[in-house]
Amino acid sequence: MTRSLIIALGADHGGVNLKNRLAAALADAGHQVLDFGTDGLASVDYPDFAHAVCNAVAGTEADYGILVCGTGIGMSISANRNPAIRCGLVHDVTTARLTRAHNNANVLALGARIIGEEVALDILNAFLTTAYEGGRHDRRLAKLNPEHAEP
C-alpha cells in the first residue's frame, strides 16, 4: 500500500465483518491498526464508533480513519460533524482517489451492504496511496472550516 501508517477503524454491526477484513489487510501490509469496535453483530449506534475514530484522527493519534456501516451514510454524516475531519463516502476506486486528491480526506466511509470485499480492498489501497494535490484545492478546503482548515 504505502509507508507504515496508523489507521483508526470503526464499524457498527452492519459493517463489522468488512471492518475486520480491512483490519487484517492493513496489518498484513505493515500498518498499525487502532480498532475502536464494534466486535460483534449485536445492534449498536454508529455515531459512537464514528466519534471515537474521528477523535483519534483529529487528535493525531491516527493518520487516517476508516468507518464502515451498512451504507456508509450514517458514518460519513457523523464523521463530518467534527470540524477537523473530511470524510468521503465512496463506492469505487475513482471516488476514493479523488476524495484524497481533491478533498484531502482524512477519513474514509464504506458501505458494507453496498460494495463487495474486493472492491473495498481496492478502495482502501487507492485511498491510502493517493496524495493530496493541493493547489486550487487549498482555497476550497479553506472555505469548509476556516478556523480548522489545513491545506
N, C-alpha and C. Protein backbone atom coordinates (compact mmCIF):
# COMPACT_ATOMS: atom_id res chain seq x y z
N MET A 1 0.82 -1.19 0.00
CA MET A 1 0.00 0.00 0.00
C MET A 1 0.87 1.26 0.00
N THR A 2 1.44 1.61 1.11
CA THR A 2 2.24 2.83 1.23
C THR A 2 3.12 2.70 2.46
N ARG A 3 3.78 3.78 2.88
CA ARG A 3 4.59 3.73 4.11
C ARG A 3 3.72 3.28 5.28
N SER A 4 4.34 2.85 6.34
CA SER A 4 3.60 2.38 7.51
C SER A 4 2.80 3.53 8.12
N LEU A 5 1.51 3.29 8.30
CA LEU A 5 0.58 4.29 8.82
C LEU A 5 -0.12 3.77 10.05
N ILE A 6 -0.71 4.68 10.79
CA ILE A 6 -1.59 4.32 11.90
C ILE A 6 -3.01 4.60 11.43
N ILE A 7 -3.83 3.56 11.37
CA ILE A 7 -5.18 3.66 10.84
C ILE A 7 -6.18 3.33 11.94
N ALA A 8 -7.10 4.25 12.20
CA ALA A 8 -8.18 4.02 13.17
C ALA A 8 -9.37 3.43 12.42
N LEU A 9 -9.91 2.34 12.94
CA LEU A 9 -11.05 1.67 12.33
C LEU A 9 -12.24 1.66 13.28
N GLY A 10 -13.43 1.80 12.69
CA GLY A 10 -14.64 1.68 13.48
C GLY A 10 -15.78 1.22 12.59
N ALA A 11 -16.69 0.47 13.19
CA ALA A 11 -17.83 -0.04 12.45
C ALA A 11 -18.98 -0.29 13.40
N ASP A 12 -20.17 -0.28 12.84
CA ASP A 12 -21.32 -0.74 13.61
C ASP A 12 -21.55 -2.20 13.25
N HIS A 13 -22.66 -2.75 13.70
CA HIS A 13 -22.97 -4.16 13.46
C HIS A 13 -23.10 -4.49 11.98
N GLY A 14 -23.51 -3.53 11.17
CA GLY A 14 -23.65 -3.75 9.74
C GLY A 14 -22.34 -3.78 8.99
N GLY A 15 -21.29 -3.26 9.61
CA GLY A 15 -20.00 -3.19 8.94
C GLY A 15 -18.88 -3.94 9.61
N VAL A 16 -19.18 -4.64 10.70
CA VAL A 16 -18.12 -5.28 11.48
C VAL A 16 -17.33 -6.32 10.69
N ASN A 17 -17.98 -7.12 9.88
CA ASN A 17 -17.25 -8.15 9.13
C ASN A 17 -16.29 -7.53 8.12
N LEU A 18 -16.73 -6.50 7.41
CA LEU A 18 -15.84 -5.83 6.46
C LEU A 18 -14.72 -5.10 7.20
N LYS A 19 -15.04 -4.47 8.32
CA LYS A 19 -14.01 -3.80 9.13
C LYS A 19 -12.92 -4.79 9.51
N ASN A 20 -13.31 -5.98 9.95
CA ASN A 20 -12.33 -6.99 10.35
C ASN A 20 -11.45 -7.42 9.18
N ARG A 21 -12.04 -7.53 7.99
CA ARG A 21 -11.27 -7.90 6.79
C ARG A 21 -10.29 -6.79 6.44
N LEU A 22 -10.73 -5.53 6.54
CA LEU A 22 -9.85 -4.40 6.25
C LEU A 22 -8.72 -4.33 7.28
N ALA A 23 -9.04 -4.58 8.54
CA ALA A 23 -8.02 -4.57 9.59
C ALA A 23 -6.94 -5.60 9.31
N ALA A 24 -7.35 -6.78 8.89
CA ALA A 24 -6.39 -7.83 8.57
C ALA A 24 -5.49 -7.42 7.40
N ALA A 25 -6.09 -6.83 6.38
CA ALA A 25 -5.32 -6.40 5.20
C ALA A 25 -4.34 -5.29 5.58
N LEU A 26 -4.77 -4.38 6.42
CA LEU A 26 -3.89 -3.30 6.87
C LEU A 26 -2.71 -3.85 7.67
N ALA A 27 -3.00 -4.76 8.59
CA ALA A 27 -1.94 -5.37 9.40
C ALA A 27 -0.97 -6.14 8.52
N ASP A 28 -1.50 -6.88 7.54
CA ASP A 28 -0.65 -7.63 6.62
C ASP A 28 0.26 -6.70 5.82
N ALA A 29 -0.21 -5.48 5.55
CA ALA A 29 0.58 -4.51 4.79
C ALA A 29 1.56 -3.75 5.69
N GLY A 30 1.57 -4.05 6.99
CA GLY A 30 2.52 -3.42 7.89
C GLY A 30 2.03 -2.17 8.58
N HIS A 31 0.75 -1.88 8.49
CA HIS A 31 0.19 -0.70 9.15
C HIS A 31 -0.25 -1.05 10.57
N GLN A 32 -0.22 -0.06 11.43
CA GLN A 32 -0.73 -0.23 12.79
C GLN A 32 -2.23 0.07 12.77
N VAL A 33 -3.02 -0.80 13.36
CA VAL A 33 -4.48 -0.66 13.37
C VAL A 33 -4.94 -0.34 14.79
N LEU A 34 -5.72 0.72 14.91
CA LEU A 34 -6.40 1.06 16.15
C LEU A 34 -7.87 0.72 15.93
N ASP A 35 -8.32 -0.36 16.51
CA ASP A 35 -9.69 -0.86 16.29
C ASP A 35 -10.60 -0.36 17.41
N PHE A 36 -11.51 0.53 17.06
CA PHE A 36 -12.43 1.10 18.03
C PHE A 36 -13.76 0.34 18.08
N GLY A 37 -13.83 -0.81 17.44
CA GLY A 37 -15.04 -1.63 17.50
C GLY A 37 -16.03 -1.26 16.42
N THR A 38 -17.13 -1.88 16.47
CA THR A 38 -17.64 -2.90 17.34
C THR A 38 -17.03 -4.24 16.99
N ASP A 39 -17.24 -5.20 17.86
CA ASP A 39 -16.65 -6.51 17.64
C ASP A 39 -17.67 -7.62 17.41
N GLY A 40 -18.93 -7.28 17.39
CA GLY A 40 -19.96 -8.31 17.24
C GLY A 40 -21.11 -7.83 16.38
N LEU A 41 -22.09 -8.70 16.23
CA LEU A 41 -23.23 -8.41 15.37
C LEU A 41 -24.43 -7.83 16.12
N ALA A 42 -24.31 -7.65 17.44
CA ALA A 42 -25.38 -7.03 18.21
C ALA A 42 -25.56 -5.58 17.77
N SER A 43 -26.80 -5.14 17.71
CA SER A 43 -27.11 -3.78 17.27
C SER A 43 -26.43 -2.74 18.17
N VAL A 44 -25.74 -1.80 17.54
CA VAL A 44 -25.06 -0.70 18.23
C VAL A 44 -25.33 0.59 17.47
N ASP A 45 -24.93 1.70 18.05
CA ASP A 45 -25.16 3.01 17.45
C ASP A 45 -23.91 3.50 16.73
N TYR A 46 -24.01 3.69 15.41
CA TYR A 46 -22.85 4.06 14.60
C TYR A 46 -22.17 5.35 15.04
N PRO A 47 -22.88 6.38 15.54
CA PRO A 47 -22.16 7.60 15.92
C PRO A 47 -21.09 7.37 16.98
N ASP A 48 -21.31 6.42 17.87
CA ASP A 48 -20.32 6.15 18.92
C ASP A 48 -18.97 5.76 18.32
N PHE A 49 -18.99 4.97 17.28
CA PHE A 49 -17.76 4.48 16.66
C PHE A 49 -17.17 5.54 15.72
N ALA A 50 -18.03 6.28 15.06
CA ALA A 50 -17.54 7.37 14.20
C ALA A 50 -16.82 8.42 15.04
N HIS A 51 -17.41 8.79 16.17
CA HIS A 51 -16.79 9.80 17.02
C HIS A 51 -15.44 9.31 17.57
N ALA A 52 -15.35 8.06 17.97
CA ALA A 52 -14.09 7.53 18.50
C ALA A 52 -12.99 7.57 17.45
N VAL A 53 -13.31 7.12 16.24
CA VAL A 53 -12.32 7.14 15.16
C VAL A 53 -11.92 8.56 14.81
N CYS A 54 -12.89 9.44 14.68
CA CYS A 54 -12.60 10.82 14.29
C CYS A 54 -11.82 11.56 15.36
N ASN A 55 -12.09 11.28 16.62
CA ASN A 55 -11.30 11.89 17.68
C ASN A 55 -9.84 11.45 17.61
N ALA A 56 -9.61 10.20 17.24
CA ALA A 56 -8.24 9.71 17.09
C ALA A 56 -7.53 10.40 15.93
N VAL A 57 -8.24 10.61 14.83
CA VAL A 57 -7.64 11.28 13.67
C VAL A 57 -7.44 12.76 13.97
N ALA A 58 -8.43 13.41 14.54
CA ALA A 58 -8.34 14.83 14.85
C ALA A 58 -7.26 15.10 15.89
N GLY A 59 -7.09 14.16 16.81
CA GLY A 59 -6.08 14.30 17.85
C GLY A 59 -4.70 13.83 17.45
N THR A 60 -4.54 13.47 16.20
CA THR A 60 -3.28 12.99 15.60
C THR A 60 -2.79 11.67 16.19
N GLU A 61 -3.67 10.93 16.84
CA GLU A 61 -3.33 9.58 17.30
C GLU A 61 -3.26 8.62 16.11
N ALA A 62 -4.01 8.95 15.05
CA ALA A 62 -4.05 8.13 13.84
C ALA A 62 -3.84 9.01 12.61
N ASP A 63 -3.22 8.42 11.58
CA ASP A 63 -3.03 9.16 10.32
C ASP A 63 -4.33 9.30 9.55
N TYR A 64 -5.10 8.21 9.53
CA TYR A 64 -6.37 8.18 8.79
C TYR A 64 -7.38 7.36 9.58
N GLY A 65 -8.65 7.54 9.22
CA GLY A 65 -9.71 6.73 9.80
C GLY A 65 -10.50 6.03 8.72
N ILE A 66 -11.00 4.85 9.05
CA ILE A 66 -11.86 4.08 8.16
C ILE A 66 -13.10 3.72 8.96
N LEU A 67 -14.27 4.06 8.41
CA LEU A 67 -15.55 3.79 9.06
C LEU A 67 -16.41 2.93 8.16
N VAL A 68 -17.07 1.93 8.75
CA VAL A 68 -17.89 1.03 7.96
C VAL A 68 -19.23 0.82 8.67
N CYS A 69 -20.30 1.02 7.93
CA CYS A 69 -21.64 0.65 8.40
C CYS A 69 -22.35 0.02 7.20
N GLY A 70 -23.63 -0.19 7.30
CA GLY A 70 -24.35 -0.84 6.21
C GLY A 70 -24.23 -0.10 4.89
N THR A 71 -24.49 1.21 4.93
CA THR A 71 -24.42 2.02 3.71
C THR A 71 -23.24 2.97 3.68
N GLY A 72 -22.67 3.27 4.83
CA GLY A 72 -21.62 4.29 4.94
C GLY A 72 -22.18 5.67 5.15
N ILE A 73 -23.47 5.84 4.95
CA ILE A 73 -24.08 7.17 5.04
C ILE A 73 -24.06 7.70 6.47
N GLY A 74 -24.56 6.92 7.41
CA GLY A 74 -24.59 7.37 8.80
C GLY A 74 -23.21 7.68 9.33
N MET A 75 -22.26 6.82 9.02
CA MET A 75 -20.88 7.05 9.46
C MET A 75 -20.32 8.35 8.88
N SER A 76 -20.56 8.58 7.59
CA SER A 76 -20.00 9.79 6.98
C SER A 76 -20.65 11.05 7.53
N ILE A 77 -21.94 11.01 7.78
CA ILE A 77 -22.60 12.17 8.38
C ILE A 77 -22.03 12.43 9.77
N SER A 78 -21.91 11.38 10.57
CA SER A 78 -21.35 11.53 11.92
C SER A 78 -19.93 12.07 11.88
N ALA A 79 -19.12 11.52 11.01
CA ALA A 79 -17.72 11.93 10.92
C ALA A 79 -17.59 13.40 10.56
N ASN A 80 -18.37 13.85 9.62
CA ASN A 80 -18.24 15.22 9.14
C ASN A 80 -18.80 16.26 10.09
N ARG A 81 -19.34 15.83 11.22
CA ARG A 81 -19.73 16.77 12.28
C ARG A 81 -18.50 17.33 12.99
N ASN A 82 -17.38 16.61 12.92
CA ASN A 82 -16.14 17.03 13.55
C ASN A 82 -15.43 17.99 12.58
N PRO A 83 -15.16 19.23 13.01
CA PRO A 83 -14.57 20.21 12.08
C PRO A 83 -13.18 19.87 11.58
N ALA A 84 -12.49 18.95 12.23
CA ALA A 84 -11.15 18.56 11.79
C ALA A 84 -11.18 17.40 10.81
N ILE A 85 -12.36 16.90 10.51
CA ILE A 85 -12.49 15.71 9.66
C ILE A 85 -13.07 16.07 8.30
N ARG A 86 -12.49 15.44 7.30
CA ARG A 86 -13.02 15.48 5.94
C ARG A 86 -13.23 14.03 5.54
N CYS A 87 -14.46 13.57 5.67
CA CYS A 87 -14.79 12.17 5.42
C CYS A 87 -15.47 12.03 4.07
N GLY A 88 -14.96 11.11 3.27
CA GLY A 88 -15.58 10.83 1.99
C GLY A 88 -16.25 9.46 2.01
N LEU A 89 -17.50 9.44 1.62
CA LEU A 89 -18.23 8.18 1.42
C LEU A 89 -18.01 7.78 -0.02
N VAL A 90 -17.35 6.65 -0.23
CA VAL A 90 -17.01 6.25 -1.59
C VAL A 90 -17.47 4.83 -1.87
N HIS A 91 -17.71 4.57 -3.15
CA HIS A 91 -18.18 3.26 -3.59
C HIS A 91 -17.32 2.65 -4.68
N ASP A 92 -16.26 3.36 -5.07
CA ASP A 92 -15.39 2.84 -6.12
C ASP A 92 -14.00 3.46 -6.00
N VAL A 93 -13.08 2.94 -6.76
CA VAL A 93 -11.68 3.38 -6.69
C VAL A 93 -11.54 4.83 -7.15
N THR A 94 -12.27 5.23 -8.16
CA THR A 94 -12.16 6.59 -8.66
C THR A 94 -12.53 7.61 -7.60
N THR A 95 -13.65 7.40 -6.91
CA THR A 95 -14.04 8.37 -5.89
C THR A 95 -13.10 8.30 -4.68
N ALA A 96 -12.53 7.14 -4.41
CA ALA A 96 -11.53 7.03 -3.33
C ALA A 96 -10.31 7.88 -3.67
N ARG A 97 -9.85 7.76 -4.89
CA ARG A 97 -8.69 8.53 -5.33
C ARG A 97 -8.98 10.03 -5.31
N LEU A 98 -10.15 10.41 -5.81
CA LEU A 98 -10.47 11.83 -5.89
C LEU A 98 -10.76 12.46 -4.54
N THR A 99 -11.31 11.70 -3.60
CA THR A 99 -11.56 12.27 -2.28
C THR A 99 -10.25 12.60 -1.56
N ARG A 100 -9.21 11.87 -1.87
CA ARG A 100 -7.88 12.20 -1.33
C ARG A 100 -7.23 13.31 -2.14
N ALA A 101 -7.21 13.18 -3.46
CA ALA A 101 -6.50 14.12 -4.32
C ALA A 101 -7.11 15.52 -4.28
N HIS A 102 -8.42 15.62 -4.25
CA HIS A 102 -9.08 16.92 -4.34
C HIS A 102 -9.58 17.44 -3.00
N ASN A 103 -9.94 16.54 -2.09
CA ASN A 103 -10.56 16.96 -0.83
C ASN A 103 -9.68 16.72 0.39
N ASN A 104 -8.52 16.12 0.19
CA ASN A 104 -7.60 15.80 1.28
C ASN A 104 -8.33 15.10 2.42
N ALA A 105 -9.21 14.16 2.07
CA ALA A 105 -9.99 13.43 3.07
C ALA A 105 -9.06 12.70 4.01
N ASN A 106 -9.40 12.73 5.29
CA ASN A 106 -8.60 12.02 6.28
C ASN A 106 -9.38 10.84 6.89
N VAL A 107 -10.63 10.70 6.48
CA VAL A 107 -11.45 9.56 6.91
C VAL A 107 -12.21 9.03 5.70
N LEU A 108 -12.29 7.73 5.60
CA LEU A 108 -12.98 7.04 4.53
C LEU A 108 -14.19 6.31 5.11
N ALA A 109 -15.35 6.48 4.50
CA ALA A 109 -16.55 5.75 4.91
C ALA A 109 -16.93 4.77 3.81
N LEU A 110 -17.27 3.56 4.23
CA LEU A 110 -17.66 2.50 3.30
C LEU A 110 -18.97 1.87 3.72
N GLY A 111 -19.74 1.43 2.74
CA GLY A 111 -20.99 0.74 3.00
C GLY A 111 -20.84 -0.75 2.74
N ALA A 112 -20.84 -1.54 3.81
CA ALA A 112 -20.62 -2.98 3.67
C ALA A 112 -21.73 -3.67 2.88
N ARG A 113 -22.94 -3.12 2.91
CA ARG A 113 -24.05 -3.71 2.17
C ARG A 113 -24.13 -3.18 0.73
N ILE A 114 -23.22 -2.27 0.39
CA ILE A 114 -23.25 -1.62 -0.93
C ILE A 114 -22.14 -2.14 -1.82
N ILE A 115 -20.96 -2.36 -1.24
CA ILE A 115 -19.81 -2.80 -2.03
C ILE A 115 -19.33 -4.15 -1.54
N GLY A 116 -18.64 -4.85 -2.39
CA GLY A 116 -18.08 -6.14 -2.02
C GLY A 116 -16.72 -5.99 -1.36
N GLU A 117 -16.25 -7.07 -0.80
CA GLU A 117 -14.98 -7.07 -0.08
C GLU A 117 -13.80 -6.70 -0.97
N GLU A 118 -13.74 -7.25 -2.17
CA GLU A 118 -12.61 -6.96 -3.06
C GLU A 118 -12.61 -5.51 -3.49
N VAL A 119 -13.79 -4.96 -3.76
CA VAL A 119 -13.89 -3.54 -4.12
C VAL A 119 -13.44 -2.70 -2.93
N ALA A 120 -13.85 -3.07 -1.73
CA ALA A 120 -13.45 -2.33 -0.53
C ALA A 120 -11.93 -2.34 -0.37
N LEU A 121 -11.29 -3.46 -0.62
CA LEU A 121 -9.84 -3.54 -0.52
C LEU A 121 -9.16 -2.66 -1.57
N ASP A 122 -9.70 -2.63 -2.78
CA ASP A 122 -9.16 -1.75 -3.82
C ASP A 122 -9.35 -0.29 -3.45
N ILE A 123 -10.51 0.05 -2.89
CA ILE A 123 -10.79 1.41 -2.43
C ILE A 123 -9.79 1.81 -1.35
N LEU A 124 -9.59 0.94 -0.39
CA LEU A 124 -8.65 1.20 0.71
C LEU A 124 -7.26 1.49 0.16
N ASN A 125 -6.80 0.68 -0.76
CA ASN A 125 -5.49 0.89 -1.36
C ASN A 125 -5.41 2.24 -2.07
N ALA A 126 -6.42 2.58 -2.85
CA ALA A 126 -6.43 3.86 -3.56
C ALA A 126 -6.43 5.03 -2.58
N PHE A 127 -7.23 4.91 -1.53
CA PHE A 127 -7.31 5.98 -0.53
C PHE A 127 -5.95 6.20 0.14
N LEU A 128 -5.29 5.13 0.51
CA LEU A 128 -4.03 5.26 1.25
C LEU A 128 -2.83 5.61 0.39
N THR A 129 -2.92 5.41 -0.91
CA THR A 129 -1.76 5.66 -1.78
C THR A 129 -1.90 6.93 -2.61
N THR A 130 -3.01 7.61 -2.51
CA THR A 130 -3.21 8.83 -3.29
C THR A 130 -2.84 10.04 -2.45
N ALA A 131 -2.03 10.89 -3.01
CA ALA A 131 -1.61 12.12 -2.32
C ALA A 131 -2.58 13.26 -2.62
N TYR A 132 -2.68 14.18 -1.70
CA TYR A 132 -3.46 15.39 -1.91
C TYR A 132 -2.74 16.26 -2.93
N GLU A 133 -3.47 16.80 -3.92
CA GLU A 133 -2.87 17.60 -4.98
C GLU A 133 -2.58 19.03 -4.57
N GLY A 134 -3.29 19.56 -3.59
CA GLY A 134 -3.07 20.95 -3.18
C GLY A 134 -3.49 21.91 -4.27
N GLY A 135 -2.74 22.98 -4.44
CA GLY A 135 -3.02 23.95 -5.49
C GLY A 135 -4.40 24.56 -5.36
N ARG A 136 -5.18 24.49 -6.43
CA ARG A 136 -6.50 25.10 -6.47
C ARG A 136 -7.43 24.55 -5.40
N HIS A 137 -7.14 23.35 -4.91
CA HIS A 137 -7.99 22.72 -3.90
C HIS A 137 -7.80 23.33 -2.51
N ASP A 138 -6.64 23.93 -2.27
CA ASP A 138 -6.39 24.56 -0.97
C ASP A 138 -7.43 25.63 -0.66
N ARG A 139 -7.71 26.46 -1.64
CA ARG A 139 -8.68 27.55 -1.46
C ARG A 139 -10.05 27.00 -1.09
N ARG A 140 -10.44 25.93 -1.73
CA ARG A 140 -11.76 25.35 -1.48
C ARG A 140 -11.84 24.72 -0.09
N LEU A 141 -10.79 24.02 0.29
CA LEU A 141 -10.78 23.40 1.61
C LEU A 141 -10.81 24.45 2.71
N ALA A 142 -10.13 25.56 2.49
CA ALA A 142 -10.11 26.63 3.49
C ALA A 142 -11.50 27.19 3.74
N LYS A 143 -12.38 27.07 2.78
CA LYS A 143 -13.74 27.59 2.92
C LYS A 143 -14.66 26.64 3.69
N LEU A 144 -14.24 25.40 3.91
CA LEU A 144 -15.08 24.45 4.63
C LEU A 144 -15.17 24.81 6.11
N ASN A 145 -14.05 24.99 6.75
CA ASN A 145 -13.96 25.37 8.16
C ASN A 145 -12.74 26.28 8.30
N PRO A 146 -12.90 27.54 8.02
CA PRO A 146 -11.72 28.43 8.03
C PRO A 146 -10.87 28.33 9.28
N GLU A 147 -11.50 28.10 10.44
CA GLU A 147 -10.73 28.03 11.69
C GLU A 147 -10.01 26.71 11.88
N HIS A 148 -10.35 25.68 11.07
CA HIS A 148 -9.74 24.37 11.23
C HIS A 148 -9.08 23.84 9.95
N ALA A 149 -9.14 24.59 8.89
CA ALA A 149 -8.62 24.10 7.61
C ALA A 149 -7.12 23.87 7.68
N GLU A 150 -6.68 22.78 7.06
CA GLU A 150 -5.25 22.51 6.95
C GLU A 150 -4.96 22.17 5.50
N PRO A 151 -4.69 23.19 4.72
CA PRO A 151 -4.46 22.97 3.28
C PRO A 151 -3.24 22.12 3.00
